[in-house]
Amino acid sequence: MNDFESDLTLLENLSKKISDLIYNNQFNQISEIDKQRRAIIEKIKQSETSHLQIKSRISDLVINNNEMLKNTSNKLKQLTKNREKFSKRLEAYSLIK
């Protein structure tokens, strides 16, 4: 089980515990358990934000990578075209001799 799943399980258990305490009219422990629950919720929110930032960075990397591949492909086509011109020119000069 990963951290996210264990956090969700703990959050669920704390919520159930708060519900049980309310049902049994035992209100003195609720505030401490609620602090723990809120801390877990904040941790999950920060983790999700972190995941979104990572996804965004990976997406940017993919876009940049595709752009670099496109540029490299264009340069390779241009070099191939120039090489063909040079080869034709060289062949023409060799026929003149």
C-alpha atoms as a PDB file:
ATOM      1  CA  MET A   1       0.000   0.000   0.000  1.00  0.00           C
ATOM      2  CA  ASN A   2       1.421   3.380  -0.944  1.00  0.00           C
ATOM      3  CA  ASP A   3       1.425   6.510   1.236  1.00  0.00           C
ATOM      4  CA  PHE A   4      -1.598   7.982  -0.513  1.00  0.00           C
ATOM      5  CA  GLU A   5      -3.720   4.892   0.141  1.00  0.00           C
ATOM      6  CA  SER A   6      -2.574   4.637   3.758  1.00  0.00           C
ATOM      7  CA  ASP A   7      -3.372   8.345   4.263  1.00  0.00           C
ATOM      8  CA  LEU A   8      -6.857   7.797   2.868  1.00  0.00           C
ATOM      9  CA  THR A   9      -7.384   4.777   5.109  1.00  0.00           C
ATOM     10  CA  LEU A  10      -6.217   6.711   8.156  1.00  0.00           C
ATOM     11  CA  LEU A  11      -8.444   9.640   7.183  1.00  0.00           C
ATOM     12  CA  GLU A  12     -11.420   7.313   6.901  1.00  0.00           C
ATOM     13  CA  ASN A  13     -10.669   5.712  10.279  1.00  0.00           C
ATOM     14  CA  LEU A  14     -10.317   9.096  11.988  1.00  0.00           C
ATOM     15  CA  SER A  15     -13.598  10.271  10.487  1.00  0.00           C
ATOM     16  CA  LYS A  16     -15.327   7.102  11.729  1.00  0.00           C
ATOM     17  CA  LYS A  17     -13.813   7.620  15.166  1.00  0.00           C
ATOM     18  CA  ILE A  18     -15.120  11.210  15.280  1.00  0.00           C
ATOM     19  CA  SER A  19     -18.550   9.967  14.227  1.00  0.00           C
ATOM     20  CA  ASP A  20     -18.496   7.324  16.969  1.00  0.00           C
ATOM     21  CA  LEU A  21     -17.446   9.891  19.570  1.00  0.00           C
ATOM     22  CA  ILE A  22     -20.286  12.212  18.554  1.00  0.00           C
ATOM     23  CA  TYR A  23     -22.746   9.332  18.689  1.00  0.00           C
ATOM     24  CA  ASN A  24     -21.568   8.482  22.218  1.00  0.00           C
ATOM     25  CA  ASN A  25     -21.595  12.132  23.350  1.00  0.00           C
ATOM     26  CA  GLN A  26     -17.826  12.069  24.011  1.00  0.00           C
ATOM     27  CA  PHE A  27     -16.860  15.458  22.641  1.00  0.00           C
ATOM     28  CA  ASN A  28     -13.603  16.028  24.541  1.00  0.00           C
ATOM     29  CA  GLN A  29     -11.392  13.996  22.120  1.00  0.00           C
ATOM     30  CA  ILE A  30     -12.923  15.265  18.894  1.00  0.00           C
ATOM     31  CA  SER A  31     -10.804  18.410  18.519  1.00  0.00           C
ATOM     32  CA  GLU A  32      -7.510  16.472  18.731  1.00  0.00           C
ATOM     33  CA  ILE A  33      -8.654  13.831  16.245  1.00  0.00           C
ATOM     34  CA  ASP A  34      -9.974  16.572  13.966  1.00  0.00           C
ATOM     35  CA  LYS A  35      -6.506  18.230  13.998  1.00  0.00           C
ATOM     36  CA  GLN A  36      -4.976  14.941  12.860  1.00  0.00           C
ATOM     37  CA  ARG A  37      -7.646  14.591  10.178  1.00  0.00           C
ATOM     38  CA  ARG A  38      -7.048  18.132   8.906  1.00  0.00           C
ATOM     39  CA  ALA A  39      -3.279  17.515   8.805  1.00  0.00           C
ATOM     40  CA  ILE A  40      -3.814  14.435   6.642  1.00  0.00           C
ATOM     41  CA  ILE A  41      -6.153  16.348   4.329  1.00  0.00           C
ATOM     42  CA  GLU A  42      -3.530  19.088   3.940  1.00  0.00           C
ATOM     43  CA  LYS A  43      -0.852  16.469   3.231  1.00  0.00           C
ATOM     44  CA  ILE A  44      -3.046  14.924   0.527  1.00  0.00           C
ATOM     45  CA  LYS A  45      -3.703  18.350  -1.011  1.00  0.00           C
ATOM     46  CA  GLN A  46       0.016  19.163  -1.105  1.00  0.00           C
ATOM     47  CA  SER A  47       0.801  15.765  -2.545  1.00  0.00           C
ATOM     48  CA  GLU A  48      -1.807  16.247  -5.277  1.00  0.00           C
ATOM     49  CA  THR A  49      -0.400  19.689  -6.075  1.00  0.00           C
ATOM     50  CA  SER A  50       3.042  18.142  -6.300  1.00  0.00           C
ATOM     51  CA  HIS A  51       1.733  15.471  -8.688  1.00  0.00           C
ATOM     52  CA  LEU A  52       0.118  18.120 -10.863  1.00  0.00           C
ATOM     53  CA  GLN A  53       3.366  20.107 -10.957  1.00  0.00           C
ATOM     54  CA  ILE A  54       5.308  16.980 -11.916  1.00  0.00           C
ATOM     55  CA  LYS A  55       2.770  16.177 -14.636  1.00  0.00           C
ATOM     56  CA  SER A  56       3.031  19.735 -15.924  1.00  0.00           C
ATOM     57  CA  ARG A  57       6.835  19.570 -16.021  1.00  0.00           C
ATOM     58  CA  ILE A  58       6.751  16.215 -17.826  1.00  0.00           C
ATOM     59  CA  SER A  59       4.252  17.611 -20.306  1.00  0.00           C
ATOM     60  CA  ASP A  60       6.548  20.580 -20.944  1.00  0.00           C
ATOM     61  CA  LEU A  61       9.483  18.205 -21.415  1.00  0.00           C
ATOM     62  CA  VAL A  62       7.524  16.137 -23.931  1.00  0.00           C
ATOM     63  CA  ILE A  63       6.558  19.266 -25.880  1.00  0.00           C
ATOM     64  CA  ASN A  64      10.154  20.527 -25.864  1.00  0.00           C
ATOM     65  CA  ASN A  65      11.424  17.094 -26.834  1.00  0.00           C
ATOM     66  CA  ASN A  66       9.016  16.905 -29.776  1.00  0.00           C
ATOM     67  CA  GLU A  67      10.081  20.392 -30.888  1.00  0.00           C
ATOM     68  CA  MET A  68      13.766  19.409 -30.716  1.00  0.00           C
ATOM     69  CA  LEU A  69      13.043  16.234 -32.696  1.00  0.00           C
ATOM     70  CA  LYS A  70      11.239  18.282 -35.318  1.00  0.00           C
ATOM     71  CA  ASN A  71      14.150  20.751 -35.550  1.00  0.00           C
ATOM     72  CA  THR A  72      16.678  17.939 -35.747  1.00  0.00           C
ATOM     73  CA  SER A  73      14.670  16.240 -38.464  1.00  0.00           C
ATOM     74  CA  ASN A  74      14.497  19.483 -40.454  1.00  0.00           C
ATOM     75  CA  LYS A  75      18.263  20.016 -40.079  1.00  0.00           C
ATOM     76  CA  LEU A  76      18.909  16.441 -41.175  1.00  0.00           C
ATOM     77  CA  LYS A  77      16.706  16.954 -44.250  1.00  0.00           C
ATOM     78  CA  GLN A  78      18.566  20.169 -45.075  1.00  0.00           C
ATOM     79  CA  LEU A  79      21.961  18.478 -44.648  1.00  0.00           C
ATOM     80  CA  THR A  80      20.831  15.591 -46.860  1.00  0.00           C
ATOM     81  CA  LYS A  81      19.609  18.045 -49.491  1.00  0.00           C
ATOM     82  CA  ASN A  82      22.906  19.959 -49.378  1.00  0.00           C
ATOM     83  CA  ARG A  83      24.877  16.706 -49.606  1.00  0.00           C
ATOM     84  CA  GLU A  84      22.911  15.659 -52.685  1.00  0.00           C
ATOM     85  CA  LYS A  85      23.624  19.039 -54.319  1.00  0.00           C
ATOM     86  CA  PHE A  86      27.310  18.715 -53.460  1.00  0.00           C
ATOM     87  CA  SER A  87      27.420  15.165 -54.842  1.00  0.00           C
ATOM     88  CA  LYS A  88      25.806  16.291 -58.102  1.00  0.00           C
ATOM     89  CA  ARG A  89      28.197  19.214 -58.367  1.00  0.00           C
ATOM     90  CA  LEU A  90      31.178  16.955 -57.689  1.00  0.00           C
ATOM     91  CA  GLU A  91      29.952  14.473 -60.272  1.00  0.00           C
ATOM     92  CA  ALA A  92      29.542  17.284 -62.819  1.00  0.00           C
ATOM     93  CA  TYR A  93      33.094  18.525 -62.188  1.00  0.00           C
ATOM     94  CA  SER A  94      34.489  15.017 -62.496  1.00  0.00           C
ATOM     95  CA  LEU A  95      32.809  14.634 -65.914  1.00  0.00           C
ATOM     96  CA  ILE A  96      34.417  17.860 -67.146  1.00  0.00           C
ATOM     97  CA  LYS A  97      37.962  16.549 -66.658  1.00  0.00           C
END
